[in-house]
Amino acid sequence: MTERRYQFSWDLLGDITLGRPNLGPNVRLEVYRLMQFTFRDVIEQHLGAEKTDHIFYEAGKLAGTEFYKKNFANIKDFNEFVRSLQETLRDLGIGILRVEEADIAKGSLVLAVSEDLDCSGLPELGYEICTYDEGFISGLLESFTGCAFRVKEIDCWCTGDRTCRFTAEKIT
């Protein structure tokens, strides 16, 4: 196996205070989307749309797992986890999370994210685009429950909805 240069570590985020003493930690949403959609475009040109979606899902899952470990690992109560997650996602400008349905015993949830970082305000494309978010939610839920989840976006700004909605089902 080839040596990995960029295996994820929170250290890769660097010391933002030291590195950006004037600009700080904030950047405009257009810059984030520029990076995301140029990555998507180049990867899709090389590997196709299906493989690109798979890569973005897996990257989101890794991000959700690492985000959980850093922010929520000591939380054991589901309601406390959801409250803390909602607050953190809102504070970081990622989106406004709402749990519409949750049956943790059965491993079934419906989640909505308004003002989503990835797609809110984009033109209607006729297909869902939040595969990174699917993976992110999957990583969060798997980390909290210890069970794998399949997450699928069912409503998206890009399909004419004004919120992103996801189903999450425990994989048995």
C-alpha atoms as a PDB file:
ATOM      1  CA  MET A   1       0.000   0.000   0.000  1.00  0.00           C
ATOM      2  CA  THR A   2       1.221   3.495  -0.809  1.00  0.00           C
ATOM      3  CA  GLU A   3       2.072   5.760   2.097  1.00  0.00           C
ATOM      4  CA  ARG A   4      -0.839   8.058   2.884  1.00  0.00           C
ATOM      5  CA  ARG A   5      -0.100  11.762   3.016  1.00  0.00           C
ATOM      6  CA  TYR A   6      -3.426  13.023   4.242  1.00  0.00           C
ATOM      7  CA  GLN A   7      -4.827  10.489   6.690  1.00  0.00           C
ATOM      8  CA  PHE A   8      -7.323  12.522   8.663  1.00  0.00           C
ATOM      9  CA  SER A   9      -6.225  14.180  11.866  1.00  0.00           C
ATOM     10  CA  TRP A  10      -7.619  17.286  13.539  1.00  0.00           C
ATOM     11  CA  ASP A  11      -4.035  18.560  13.422  1.00  0.00           C
ATOM     12  CA  LEU A  12      -4.497  19.052   9.659  1.00  0.00           C
ATOM     13  CA  LEU A  13      -6.825  21.962  10.480  1.00  0.00           C
ATOM     14  CA  GLY A  14      -3.826  23.758  11.925  1.00  0.00           C
ATOM     15  CA  ASP A  15      -3.638  26.673  14.331  1.00  0.00           C
ATOM     16  CA  ILE A  16      -6.110  29.066  12.777  1.00  0.00           C
ATOM     17  CA  THR A  17      -5.399  31.838  15.288  1.00  0.00           C
ATOM     18  CA  LEU A  18      -1.702  31.734  14.422  1.00  0.00           C
ATOM     19  CA  GLY A  19      -2.172  31.257  10.680  1.00  0.00           C
ATOM     20  CA  ARG A  20      -5.011  33.729  10.130  1.00  0.00           C
ATOM     21  CA  PRO A  21      -4.559  36.491  12.710  1.00  0.00           C
ATOM     22  CA  ASN A  22      -6.430  39.024  10.558  1.00  0.00           C
ATOM     23  CA  LEU A  23      -8.972  36.932   8.666  1.00  0.00           C
ATOM     24  CA  GLY A  24      -9.801  34.447  11.429  1.00  0.00           C
ATOM     25  CA  PRO A  25     -11.746  31.199  10.993  1.00  0.00           C
ATOM     26  CA  ASN A  26     -14.536  32.436   8.735  1.00  0.00           C
ATOM     27  CA  VAL A  27     -14.786  32.158   4.984  1.00  0.00           C
ATOM     28  CA  ARG A  28     -17.722  32.825   2.694  1.00  0.00           C
ATOM     29  CA  LEU A  29     -19.989  29.981   1.639  1.00  0.00           C
ATOM     30  CA  GLU A  30     -19.166  30.551  -2.030  1.00  0.00           C
ATOM     31  CA  VAL A  31     -15.558  29.520  -1.371  1.00  0.00           C
ATOM     32  CA  TYR A  32     -16.614  26.270   0.320  1.00  0.00           C
ATOM     33  CA  ARG A  33     -18.964  25.460  -2.557  1.00  0.00           C
ATOM     34  CA  LEU A  34     -16.326  26.400  -5.132  1.00  0.00           C
ATOM     35  CA  MET A  35     -13.985  23.843  -3.579  1.00  0.00           C
ATOM     36  CA  GLN A  36     -16.671  21.171  -3.201  1.00  0.00           C
ATOM     37  CA  PHE A  37     -18.079  21.413  -6.707  1.00  0.00           C
ATOM     38  CA  THR A  38     -14.710  21.685  -8.450  1.00  0.00           C
ATOM     39  CA  PHE A  39     -13.598  18.556  -6.546  1.00  0.00           C
ATOM     40  CA  ARG A  40     -16.826  16.853  -7.636  1.00  0.00           C
ATOM     41  CA  ASP A  41     -16.359  17.906 -11.253  1.00  0.00           C
ATOM     42  CA  VAL A  42     -12.756  16.703 -11.522  1.00  0.00           C
ATOM     43  CA  ILE A  43     -13.405  13.418  -9.698  1.00  0.00           C
ATOM     44  CA  GLU A  44     -16.481  12.771 -11.855  1.00  0.00           C
ATOM     45  CA  GLN A  45     -14.468  13.403 -15.034  1.00  0.00           C
ATOM     46  CA  HIS A  46     -11.960  10.763 -13.901  1.00  0.00           C
ATOM     47  CA  LEU A  47     -14.240   8.218 -12.223  1.00  0.00           C
ATOM     48  CA  GLY A  48     -17.862   8.888 -13.193  1.00  0.00           C
ATOM     49  CA  ALA A  49     -20.842  10.165 -11.203  1.00  0.00           C
ATOM     50  CA  GLU A  50     -21.552   6.952  -9.265  1.00  0.00           C
ATOM     51  CA  LYS A  51     -17.990   6.565  -7.979  1.00  0.00           C
ATOM     52  CA  THR A  52     -17.853  10.296  -7.170  1.00  0.00           C
ATOM     53  CA  ASP A  53     -20.998   9.989  -5.066  1.00  0.00           C
ATOM     54  CA  HIS A  54     -19.490   6.965  -3.319  1.00  0.00           C
ATOM     55  CA  ILE A  55     -16.304   8.924  -2.512  1.00  0.00           C
ATOM     56  CA  PHE A  56     -18.280  11.898  -1.197  1.00  0.00           C
ATOM     57  CA  TYR A  57     -20.464   9.590   0.930  1.00  0.00           C
ATOM     58  CA  GLU A  58     -17.373   7.902   2.400  1.00  0.00           C
ATOM     59  CA  ALA A  59     -15.696  11.274   3.038  1.00  0.00           C
ATOM     60  CA  GLY A  60     -18.853  12.495   4.768  1.00  0.00           C
ATOM     61  CA  LYS A  61     -18.975   9.328   6.856  1.00  0.00           C
ATOM     62  CA  LEU A  62     -15.376   9.828   7.970  1.00  0.00           C
ATOM     63  CA  ALA A  63     -16.152  13.465   8.790  1.00  0.00           C
ATOM     64  CA  GLY A  64     -19.260  12.464  10.777  1.00  0.00           C
ATOM     65  CA  THR A  65     -17.291   9.856  12.705  1.00  0.00           C
ATOM     66  CA  GLU A  66     -14.457  12.251  13.542  1.00  0.00           C
ATOM     67  CA  PHE A  67     -16.887  15.091  14.327  1.00  0.00           C
ATOM     68  CA  TYR A  68     -18.715  12.786  16.747  1.00  0.00           C
ATOM     69  CA  LYS A  69     -15.489  11.713  18.477  1.00  0.00           C
ATOM     70  CA  LYS A  70     -14.358  15.316  18.924  1.00  0.00           C
ATOM     71  CA  ASN A  71     -17.674  16.809  20.027  1.00  0.00           C
ATOM     72  CA  PHE A  72     -20.094  14.189  21.364  1.00  0.00           C
ATOM     73  CA  ALA A  73     -18.222  11.046  22.430  1.00  0.00           C
ATOM     74  CA  ASN A  74     -19.190  11.388  26.107  1.00  0.00           C
ATOM     75  CA  ILE A  75     -22.917  11.789  25.441  1.00  0.00           C
ATOM     76  CA  LYS A  76     -24.949   8.612  26.034  1.00  0.00           C
ATOM     77  CA  ASP A  77     -28.541   9.943  25.995  1.00  0.00           C
ATOM     78  CA  PHE A  78     -30.099  10.260  22.523  1.00  0.00           C
ATOM     79  CA  ASN A  79     -32.065  13.432  23.312  1.00  0.00           C
ATOM     80  CA  GLU A  80     -28.975  15.104  24.757  1.00  0.00           C
ATOM     81  CA  PHE A  81     -26.987  14.029  21.678  1.00  0.00           C
ATOM     82  CA  VAL A  82     -29.590  15.533  19.346  1.00  0.00           C
ATOM     83  CA  ARG A  83     -29.764  18.808  21.308  1.00  0.00           C
ATOM     84  CA  SER A  84     -25.993  19.141  21.333  1.00  0.00           C
ATOM     85  CA  LEU A  85     -25.735  18.239  17.649  1.00  0.00           C
ATOM     86  CA  GLN A  86     -28.426  20.780  16.715  1.00  0.00           C
ATOM     87  CA  GLU A  87     -26.644  23.508  18.643  1.00  0.00           C
ATOM     88  CA  THR A  88     -23.224  22.668  17.194  1.00  0.00           C
ATOM     89  CA  LEU A  89     -24.441  22.459  13.578  1.00  0.00           C
ATOM     90  CA  ARG A  90     -26.226  25.787  13.960  1.00  0.00           C
ATOM     91  CA  ASP A  91     -23.275  27.488  15.703  1.00  0.00           C
ATOM     92  CA  LEU A  92     -20.885  26.338  12.979  1.00  0.00           C
ATOM     93  CA  GLY A  93     -23.254  27.459  10.204  1.00  0.00           C
ATOM     94  CA  ILE A  94     -23.625  23.933   8.821  1.00  0.00           C
ATOM     95  CA  GLY A  95     -27.417  23.847   8.967  1.00  0.00           C
ATOM     96  CA  ILE A  96     -30.505  23.727  11.133  1.00  0.00           C
ATOM     97  CA  LEU A  97     -31.227  20.119  12.128  1.00  0.00           C
ATOM     98  CA  ARG A  98     -34.689  18.860  12.993  1.00  0.00           C
ATOM     99  CA  VAL A  99     -35.528  15.283  13.923  1.00  0.00           C
ATOM    100  CA  GLU A 100     -38.926  14.598  12.377  1.00  0.00           C
ATOM    101  CA  GLU A 101     -39.212  10.917  13.319  1.00  0.00           C
ATOM    102  CA  ALA A 102     -37.050   8.726  15.517  1.00  0.00           C
ATOM    103  CA  ASP A 103     -37.441   5.134  16.604  1.00  0.00           C
ATOM    104  CA  ILE A 104     -34.014   4.342  17.996  1.00  0.00           C
ATOM    105  CA  ALA A 105     -35.055   0.835  19.071  1.00  0.00           C
ATOM    106  CA  LYS A 106     -35.919  -0.017  15.460  1.00  0.00           C
ATOM    107  CA  GLY A 107     -33.080   2.088  14.070  1.00  0.00           C
ATOM    108  CA  SER A 108     -35.246   4.330  11.912  1.00  0.00           C
ATOM    109  CA  LEU A 109     -35.084   8.133  11.654  1.00  0.00           C
ATOM    110  CA  VAL A 110     -36.177  10.972   9.424  1.00  0.00           C
ATOM    111  CA  LEU A 111     -34.017  14.088   9.724  1.00  0.00           C
ATOM    112  CA  ALA A 112     -34.367  17.471   8.048  1.00  0.00           C
ATOM    113  CA  VAL A 113     -31.594  20.024   7.594  1.00  0.00           C
ATOM    114  CA  SER A 114     -32.610  23.546   6.623  1.00  0.00           C
ATOM    115  CA  GLU A 115     -30.200  26.161   5.290  1.00  0.00           C
ATOM    116  CA  ASP A 116     -27.907  23.279   4.398  1.00  0.00           C
ATOM    117  CA  LEU A 117     -24.278  24.194   3.767  1.00  0.00           C
ATOM    118  CA  ASP A 118     -24.094  22.167   0.547  1.00  0.00           C
ATOM    119  CA  CYS A 119     -27.187  23.067  -1.428  1.00  0.00           C
ATOM    120  CA  SER A 120     -29.554  25.695  -0.005  1.00  0.00           C
ATOM    121  CA  GLY A 121     -30.086  28.334  -2.651  1.00  0.00           C
ATOM    122  CA  LEU A 122     -28.766  26.282  -5.577  1.00  0.00           C
ATOM    123  CA  PRO A 123     -30.817  25.980  -8.773  1.00  0.00           C
ATOM    124  CA  GLU A 124     -33.193  23.069  -9.236  1.00  0.00           C
ATOM    125  CA  LEU A 125     -31.270  20.239 -10.889  1.00  0.00           C
ATOM    126  CA  GLY A 126     -33.817  17.433 -10.718  1.00  0.00           C
ATOM    127  CA  TYR A 127     -31.705  15.229  -8.449  1.00  0.00           C
ATOM    128  CA  GLU A 128     -30.454  15.185  -4.859  1.00  0.00           C
ATOM    129  CA  ILE A 129     -26.838  16.259  -4.359  1.00  0.00           C
ATOM    130  CA  CYS A 130     -26.171  15.923  -0.626  1.00  0.00           C
ATOM    131  CA  THR A 131     -24.283  12.620  -0.695  1.00  0.00           C
ATOM    132  CA  TYR A 132     -21.581  14.065   1.586  1.00  0.00           C
ATOM    133  CA  ASP A 133     -24.330  14.904   4.107  1.00  0.00           C
ATOM    134  CA  GLU A 134     -25.715  11.361   3.818  1.00  0.00           C
ATOM    135  CA  GLY A 135     -22.334   9.992   4.804  1.00  0.00           C
ATOM    136  CA  PHE A 136     -21.899  12.606   7.548  1.00  0.00           C
ATOM    137  CA  ILE A 137     -25.207  11.628   9.156  1.00  0.00           C
ATOM    138  CA  SER A 138     -24.360   7.943   8.782  1.00  0.00           C
ATOM    139  CA  GLY A 139     -21.031   8.472  10.564  1.00  0.00           C
ATOM    140  CA  LEU A 140     -22.696  10.403  13.397  1.00  0.00           C
ATOM    141  CA  LEU A 141     -25.413   7.799  13.936  1.00  0.00           C
ATOM    142  CA  GLU A 142     -23.061   4.840  13.707  1.00  0.00           C
ATOM    143  CA  SER A 143     -20.704   6.465  16.184  1.00  0.00           C
ATOM    144  CA  PHE A 144     -23.521   7.181  18.655  1.00  0.00           C
ATOM    145  CA  THR A 145     -25.321   3.816  18.405  1.00  0.00           C
ATOM    146  CA  GLY A 146     -22.518   1.426  17.478  1.00  0.00           C
ATOM    147  CA  CYS A 147     -24.687   0.201  14.567  1.00  0.00           C
ATOM    148  CA  ALA A 148     -24.231   0.895  10.855  1.00  0.00           C
ATOM    149  CA  PHE A 149     -26.860   3.099   9.175  1.00  0.00           C
ATOM    150  CA  ARG A 150     -27.855   3.567   5.555  1.00  0.00           C
ATOM    151  CA  VAL A 151     -28.750   7.231   5.033  1.00  0.00           C
ATOM    152  CA  LYS A 152     -30.527   8.480   1.918  1.00  0.00           C
ATOM    153  CA  GLU A 153     -31.575  11.989   1.000  1.00  0.00           C
ATOM    154  CA  ILE A 154     -35.231  12.007  -0.050  1.00  0.00           C
ATOM    155  CA  ASP A 155     -35.839  15.768  -0.391  1.00  0.00           C
ATOM    156  CA  CYS A 156     -33.313  18.372  -1.512  1.00  0.00           C
ATOM    157  CA  TRP A 157     -33.239  22.045  -2.429  1.00  0.00           C
ATOM    158  CA  CYS A 158     -32.047  20.889  -5.868  1.00  0.00           C
ATOM    159  CA  THR A 159     -35.251  18.865  -6.391  1.00  0.00           C
ATOM    160  CA  GLY A 160     -37.491  21.819  -5.547  1.00  0.00           C
ATOM    161  CA  ASP A 161     -37.801  21.296  -1.806  1.00  0.00           C
ATOM    162  CA  ARG A 162     -36.723  24.010   0.583  1.00  0.00           C
ATOM    163  CA  THR A 163     -35.148  21.703   3.127  1.00  0.00           C
ATOM    164  CA  CYS A 164     -33.022  18.592   2.849  1.00  0.00           C
ATOM    165  CA  ARG A 165     -34.645  15.492   4.324  1.00  0.00           C
ATOM    166  CA  PHE A 166     -32.911  12.219   5.014  1.00  0.00           C
ATOM    167  CA  THR A 167     -34.054   8.749   6.007  1.00  0.00           C
ATOM    168  CA  ALA A 168     -31.714   6.725   8.189  1.00  0.00           C
ATOM    169  CA  GLU A 169     -32.187   2.979   8.590  1.00  0.00           C
ATOM    170  CA  LYS A 170     -30.077   0.687  10.728  1.00  0.00           C
ATOM    171  CA  ILE A 171     -28.338  -1.971   8.651  1.00  0.00           C
ATOM    172  CA  THR A 172     -28.972  -5.396  10.150  1.00  0.00           C
END
